[in-house]
C-alpha atoms as a PDB file:
ATOM      1  CA  UNK A   1     -13.900   3.555  -4.390  1.00  0.00           C
ATOM      2  CA  UNK A   2     -15.103   1.435  -1.505  1.00  0.00           C
ATOM      3  CA  UNK A   3     -14.836  -2.235  -2.330  1.00  0.00           C
ATOM      4  CA  UNK A   4     -16.113  -5.098  -0.611  1.00  0.00           C
ATOM      5  CA  UNK A   5     -14.259  -8.566  -0.434  1.00  0.00           C
ATOM      6  CA  UNK A   6     -14.984 -11.978   1.208  1.00  0.00           C
ATOM      7  CA  UNK A   7     -13.709 -11.050   4.772  1.00  0.00           C
ATOM      8  CA  UNK A   8     -12.578  -7.473   4.580  1.00  0.00           C
ATOM      9  CA  UNK A   9     -13.098  -4.120   2.427  1.00  0.00           C
ATOM     10  CA  UNK A  10     -10.803  -1.403   1.417  1.00  0.00           C
ATOM     11  CA  UNK A  11     -11.822   2.106   1.530  1.00  0.00           C
ATOM     12  CA  UNK A  12     -10.448   5.909   0.717  1.00  0.00           C
ATOM     13  CA  UNK A  13      -8.819   6.992   4.134  1.00  0.00           C
ATOM     14  CA  UNK A  14     -11.216   9.140   6.164  1.00  0.00           C
ATOM     15  CA  UNK A  15     -10.885  11.406   9.077  1.00  0.00           C
ATOM     16  CA  UNK A  16     -12.404   9.184  11.578  1.00  0.00           C
ATOM     17  CA  UNK A  17      -9.908   6.555  10.612  1.00  0.00           C
ATOM     18  CA  UNK A  18      -7.034   8.549  12.507  1.00  0.00           C
ATOM     19  CA  UNK A  19      -7.143   7.044  15.921  1.00  0.00           C
ATOM     20  CA  UNK A  20      -7.220   3.407  14.518  1.00  0.00           C
ATOM     21  CA  UNK A  21      -4.668   4.087  12.490  1.00  0.00           C
ATOM     22  CA  UNK A  22      -2.680   5.239  15.147  1.00  0.00           C
ATOM     23  CA  UNK A  23      -3.597   2.039  16.914  1.00  0.00           C
ATOM     24  CA  UNK A  24      -2.388  -0.358  13.817  1.00  0.00           C
ATOM     25  CA  UNK A  25       0.738   1.474  13.089  1.00  0.00           C
ATOM     26  CA  UNK A  26       2.031   1.318  17.110  1.00  0.00           C
ATOM     27  CA  UNK A  27       0.907  -2.177  17.188  1.00  0.00           C
ATOM     28  CA  UNK A  28       2.871  -2.921  14.026  1.00  0.00           C
ATOM     29  CA  UNK A  29       6.174  -0.778  14.403  1.00  0.00           C
ATOM     30  CA  UNK A  30       8.725  -3.386  14.389  1.00  0.00           C
ATOM     31  CA  UNK A  31       6.963  -4.595  11.074  1.00  0.00           C
ATOM     32  CA  UNK A  32       6.692  -1.013   9.568  1.00  0.00           C
ATOM     33  CA  UNK A  33      10.120   0.712  10.554  1.00  0.00           C
ATOM     34  CA  UNK A  34      12.007  -0.885   7.785  1.00  0.00           C
ATOM     35  CA  UNK A  35       9.954  -0.083   4.364  1.00  0.00           C
ATOM     36  CA  UNK A  36       7.189   2.288   6.024  1.00  0.00           C
ATOM     37  CA  UNK A  37       9.527   4.623   8.095  1.00  0.00           C
ATOM     38  CA  UNK A  38       7.411   7.775   7.041  1.00  0.00           C
ATOM     39  CA  UNK A  39       4.460   6.237   7.643  1.00  0.00           C
ATOM     40  CA  UNK A  40       5.407   4.971  11.038  1.00  0.00           C
ATOM     41  CA  UNK A  41       6.850   8.240  12.130  1.00  0.00           C
ATOM     42  CA  UNK A  42       3.878   9.903  11.080  1.00  0.00           C
ATOM     43  CA  UNK A  43       1.161   8.231  13.037  1.00  0.00           C
ATOM     44  CA  UNK A  44       2.745   7.568  16.678  1.00  0.00           C
ATOM     45  CA  UNK A  45       0.319   9.711  18.245  1.00  0.00           C
ATOM     46  CA  UNK A  46      -3.508  10.317  17.631  1.00  0.00           C
ATOM     47  CA  UNK A  47      -2.439  13.654  16.775  1.00  0.00           C
ATOM     48  CA  UNK A  48      -0.162  12.964  14.580  1.00  0.00           C
ATOM     49  CA  UNK A  49      -2.172  10.688  12.576  1.00  0.00           C
ATOM     50  CA  UNK A  50      -4.874  13.268  12.426  1.00  0.00           C
ATOM     51  CA  UNK A  51      -2.583  15.553  10.771  1.00  0.00           C
ATOM     52  CA  UNK A  52      -1.522  12.538   8.573  1.00  0.00           C
ATOM     53  CA  UNK A  53      -4.779  11.560   7.269  1.00  0.00           C
ATOM     54  CA  UNK A  54      -5.687  15.368   6.445  1.00  0.00           C
ATOM     55  CA  UNK A  55      -2.609  15.586   4.737  1.00  0.00           C
ATOM     56  CA  UNK A  56      -3.573  11.992   2.691  1.00  0.00           C
ATOM     57  CA  UNK A  57      -7.068  12.702   2.365  1.00  0.00           C
ATOM     58  CA  UNK A  58      -6.027  16.301   0.468  1.00  0.00           C
ATOM     59  CA  UNK A  59      -3.822  13.919  -1.701  1.00  0.00           C
ATOM     60  CA  UNK A  60      -6.528  11.456  -2.659  1.00  0.00           C
ATOM     61  CA  UNK A  61      -8.502  14.581  -3.256  1.00  0.00           C
ATOM     62  CA  UNK A  62      -5.909  15.953  -5.855  1.00  0.00           C
ATOM     63  CA  UNK A  63      -5.033  12.226  -7.480  1.00  0.00           C
ATOM     64  CA  UNK A  64      -1.463  12.746  -6.339  1.00  0.00           C
ATOM     65  CA  UNK A  65      -1.583   9.871  -4.342  1.00  0.00           C
ATOM     66  CA  UNK A  66      -4.677   7.240  -3.429  1.00  0.00           C
ATOM     67  CA  UNK A  67      -4.396   5.710   0.406  1.00  0.00           C
ATOM     68  CA  UNK A  68      -6.877   2.861   1.204  1.00  0.00           C
ATOM     69  CA  UNK A  69      -7.369   1.387   4.442  1.00  0.00           C
ATOM     70  CA  UNK A  70      -8.326  -2.499   4.598  1.00  0.00           C
ATOM     71  CA  UNK A  71     -10.615  -3.421   7.580  1.00  0.00           C
ATOM     72  CA  UNK A  72     -12.578  -6.673   8.432  1.00  0.00           C
ATOM     73  CA  UNK A  73     -15.880  -6.864   7.081  1.00  0.00           C
ATOM     74  CA  UNK A  74     -17.672  -7.951  10.805  1.00  0.00           C
ATOM     75  CA  UNK A  75     -15.580  -5.557  12.586  1.00  0.00           C
ATOM     76  CA  UNK A  76     -14.625  -2.588  11.062  1.00  0.00           C
ATOM     77  CA  UNK A  77     -10.960  -3.371  12.404  1.00  0.00           C
ATOM     78  CA  UNK A  78      -8.251  -1.514  10.491  1.00  0.00           C
ATOM     79  CA  UNK A  79      -5.629  -4.265   9.469  1.00  0.00           C
ATOM     80  CA  UNK A  80      -3.837  -2.682   6.565  1.00  0.00           C
ATOM     81  CA  UNK A  81      -3.182  -0.144   4.482  1.00  0.00           C
ATOM     82  CA  UNK A  82      -2.271   0.150   0.513  1.00  0.00           C
ATOM     83  CA  UNK A  83      -0.848   3.134  -1.238  1.00  0.00           C
ATOM     84  CA  UNK A  84      -1.131   4.186  -4.971  1.00  0.00           C
ATOM     85  CA  UNK A  85       1.621   6.551  -4.900  1.00  0.00           C
ATOM     86  CA  UNK A  86       4.436   7.756  -7.313  1.00  0.00           C
ATOM     87  CA  UNK A  87       1.338   8.567 -10.005  1.00  0.00           C
ATOM     88  CA  UNK A  88       2.834   9.988 -13.195  1.00  0.00           C
ATOM     89  CA  UNK A  89      -0.531  10.653 -15.147  1.00  0.00           C
ATOM     90  CA  UNK A  90       1.587  11.640 -18.016  1.00  0.00           C
ATOM     91  CA  UNK A  91       3.037   8.363 -18.801  1.00  0.00           C
ATOM     92  CA  UNK A  92       0.009   6.147 -17.133  1.00  0.00           C
ATOM     93  CA  UNK A  93       2.008   4.480 -14.118  1.00  0.00           C
ATOM     94  CA  UNK A  94       1.860   4.095 -10.339  1.00  0.00           C
ATOM     95  CA  UNK A  95       3.452   2.317  -7.592  1.00  0.00           C
ATOM     96  CA  UNK A  96       1.582  -0.115  -5.092  1.00  0.00           C
ATOM     97  CA  UNK A  97       2.758  -0.555  -1.276  1.00  0.00           C
ATOM     98  CA  UNK A  98       0.633  -2.509   1.078  1.00  0.00           C
ATOM     99  CA  UNK A  99       1.358  -3.663   4.588  1.00  0.00           C
ATOM    100  CA  UNK A 100      -1.164  -5.742   6.801  1.00  0.00           C
ATOM    101  CA  UNK A 101      -1.092  -6.652  10.488  1.00  0.00           C
ATOM    102  CA  UNK A 102       1.012 -10.307  10.998  1.00  0.00           C
ATOM    103  CA  UNK A 103      -2.131 -11.719  12.372  1.00  0.00           C
ATOM    104  CA  UNK A 104      -3.839 -11.211   9.205  1.00  0.00           C
ATOM    105  CA  UNK A 105      -0.724 -12.244   6.981  1.00  0.00           C
ATOM    106  CA  UNK A 106      -1.333 -15.478   5.272  1.00  0.00           C
ATOM    107  CA  UNK A 107      -5.063 -15.511   4.623  1.00  0.00           C
ATOM    108  CA  UNK A 108      -4.914 -14.075   0.895  1.00  0.00           C
ATOM    109  CA  UNK A 109      -6.065 -10.773   2.003  1.00  0.00           C
ATOM    110  CA  UNK A 110      -3.927  -8.656   0.621  1.00  0.00           C
ATOM    111  CA  UNK A 111      -3.586 -10.671  -2.555  1.00  0.00           C
ATOM    112  CA  UNK A 112      -6.918  -9.832  -2.932  1.00  0.00           C
ATOM    113  CA  UNK A 113      -6.834  -6.118  -2.196  1.00  0.00           C
ATOM    114  CA  UNK A 114      -3.859  -5.643  -4.669  1.00  0.00           C
ATOM    115  CA  UNK A 115      -5.849  -7.316  -7.608  1.00  0.00           C
ATOM    116  CA  UNK A 116      -9.133  -5.136  -6.813  1.00  0.00           C
ATOM    117  CA  UNK A 117      -6.859  -2.014  -6.558  1.00  0.00           C
ATOM    118  CA  UNK A 118      -4.902  -3.064  -9.674  1.00  0.00           C
ATOM    119  CA  UNK A 119      -8.202  -3.517 -11.743  1.00  0.00           C
ATOM    120  CA  UNK A 120      -9.192  -0.063 -10.421  1.00  0.00           C
ATOM    121  CA  UNK A 121      -6.238   1.619 -11.579  1.00  0.00           C
ATOM    122  CA  UNK A 122      -6.296   0.106 -14.755  1.00  0.00           C
ATOM    123  CA  UNK A 123     -10.037   0.515 -15.743  1.00  0.00           C
ATOM    124  CA  UNK A 124     -11.352   3.577 -13.379  1.00  0.00           C
ATOM    125  CA  UNK A 125      -7.919   6.028 -13.216  1.00  0.00           C
ATOM    126  CA  UNK A 126      -6.787   4.468 -17.000  1.00  0.00           C
ATOM    127  CA  UNK A 127      -3.642   3.730 -15.966  1.00  0.00           C
ATOM    128  CA  UNK A 128      -1.436   1.593 -17.772  1.00  0.00           C
ATOM    129  CA  UNK A 129       1.788   0.477 -16.021  1.00  0.00           C
ATOM    130  CA  UNK A 130       2.023  -0.249 -11.778  1.00  0.00           C
ATOM    131  CA  UNK A 131       4.654  -1.140 -10.142  1.00  0.00           C
ATOM    132  CA  UNK A 132       5.409  -3.264  -6.957  1.00  0.00           C
ATOM    133  CA  UNK A 133       9.049  -2.359  -5.312  1.00  0.00           C
ATOM    134  CA  UNK A 134      10.624  -5.002  -2.613  1.00  0.00           C
ATOM    135  CA  UNK A 135      13.425  -6.486  -0.950  1.00  0.00           C
ATOM    136  CA  UNK A 136      14.508  -9.690  -2.234  1.00  0.00           C
ATOM    137  CA  UNK A 137      14.130 -10.985   1.348  1.00  0.00           C
ATOM    138  CA  UNK A 138      10.405  -9.902   1.625  1.00  0.00           C
ATOM    139  CA  UNK A 139       9.183 -13.315   0.354  1.00  0.00           C
ATOM    140  CA  UNK A 140       5.540 -12.765   1.233  1.00  0.00           C
ATOM    141  CA  UNK A 141       5.399  -9.335  -0.912  1.00  0.00           C
ATOM    142  CA  UNK A 142       7.536 -11.176  -3.672  1.00  0.00           C
ATOM    143  CA  UNK A 143       4.746 -13.846  -3.379  1.00  0.00           C
ATOM    144  CA  UNK A 144       1.796 -11.254  -3.500  1.00  0.00           C
ATOM    145  CA  UNK A 145       3.188  -9.671  -6.730  1.00  0.00           C
ATOM    146  CA  UNK A 146       3.540 -12.804  -8.554  1.00  0.00           C
ATOM    147  CA  UNK A 147       0.033 -13.998  -7.468  1.00  0.00           C
ATOM    148  CA  UNK A 148      -1.091 -10.806  -8.976  1.00  0.00           C
ATOM    149  CA  UNK A 149       0.609 -11.561 -12.207  1.00  0.00           C
ATOM    150  CA  UNK A 150       3.698  -8.819 -11.965  1.00  0.00           C
ATOM    151  CA  UNK A 151       6.831  -9.697 -13.601  1.00  0.00           C
ATOM    152  CA  UNK A 152      10.276  -8.532 -12.153  1.00  0.00           C
ATOM    153  CA  UNK A 153      11.894  -6.622 -13.931  1.00  0.00           C
ATOM    154  CA  UNK A 154      15.022  -5.688 -12.638  1.00  0.00           C
ATOM    155  CA  UNK A 155      17.052  -4.834  -9.269  1.00  0.00           C
ATOM    156  CA  UNK A 156      17.225  -0.917  -8.645  1.00  0.00           C
ATOM    157  CA  UNK A 157      20.238  -0.237  -6.914  1.00  0.00           C
ATOM    158  CA  UNK A 158      20.302   1.784  -3.660  1.00  0.00           C
ATOM    159  CA  UNK A 159      16.603   2.362  -3.950  1.00  0.00           C
ATOM    160  CA  UNK A 160      15.571   2.404  -0.367  1.00  0.00           C
ATOM    161  CA  UNK A 161      17.335   3.586   2.484  1.00  0.00           C
ATOM    162  CA  UNK A 162      15.483   2.427   6.100  1.00  0.00           C
ATOM    163  CA  UNK A 163      16.236   4.729   9.163  1.00  0.00           C
ATOM    164  CA  UNK A 164      19.746   3.636  10.585  1.00  0.00           C
ATOM    165  CA  UNK A 165      20.901   1.181   7.697  1.00  0.00           C
ATOM    166  CA  UNK A 166      22.741   1.853   4.342  1.00  0.00           C
ATOM    167  CA  UNK A 167      20.986   1.808   1.064  1.00  0.00           C
ATOM    168  CA  UNK A 168      18.939  -1.053  -0.189  1.00  0.00           C
ATOM    169  CA  UNK A 169      18.776  -2.475  -3.422  1.00  0.00           C
ATOM    170  CA  UNK A 170      15.052  -3.532  -4.087  1.00  0.00           C
ATOM    171  CA  UNK A 171      13.343  -5.497  -7.256  1.00  0.00           C
ATOM    172  CA  UNK A 172      10.952  -4.082  -9.329  1.00  0.00           C
ATOM    173  CA  UNK A 173       8.362  -5.665 -10.274  1.00  0.00           C
ATOM    174  CA  UNK A 174       5.590  -4.119 -13.104  1.00  0.00           C
ATOM    175  CA  UNK A 175       2.137  -5.028 -14.615  1.00  0.00           C
ATOM    176  CA  UNK A 176       0.710  -3.929 -17.812  1.00  0.00           C
ATOM    177  CA  UNK A 177      -2.888  -3.355 -18.472  1.00  0.00           C
ATOM    178  CA  UNK A 178      -4.009  -5.676 -21.079  1.00  0.00           C
ATOM    179  CA  UNK A 179      -4.653  -3.955 -24.065  1.00  0.00           C
ATOM    180  CA  UNK A 180      -8.609  -4.497 -25.189  1.00  0.00           C
END
């Protein structure tokens, strides 16, 4: 799936994205270190990014996890990532995780991308439930979840442990496929 939006597009991670992914991660290191520590750690150099991309492409092909890049339409600059992960094909649910460069925050790009990936997950992949797990202080992500019609379900105790911190409670939001 490659999806064109107004000012950007999303497409599956590709080998040619490795260097740009490294540059994105390094430029957004402070932004990613708390909630995307593995993605950060695995993309700090171009060589690490190449390995990361190869692993994510393999997971994509095996339908274990889907990683998409978010790029500016005119320049193809990589400005964000969106994952469809933790997929349970038996129960038909998955989780979305996303990040965007601070310079592109607040423009509605992430909301548009989340809506598009939800449509794809429900209509093409036939998933029935999507989750977003977010910390209560991540107001931008909570706003995105709500704008995309996700509903707060509950607080997950000790759900995420950032590097060098104690475990954090996280908020679970879910979206269900509307039955025809």
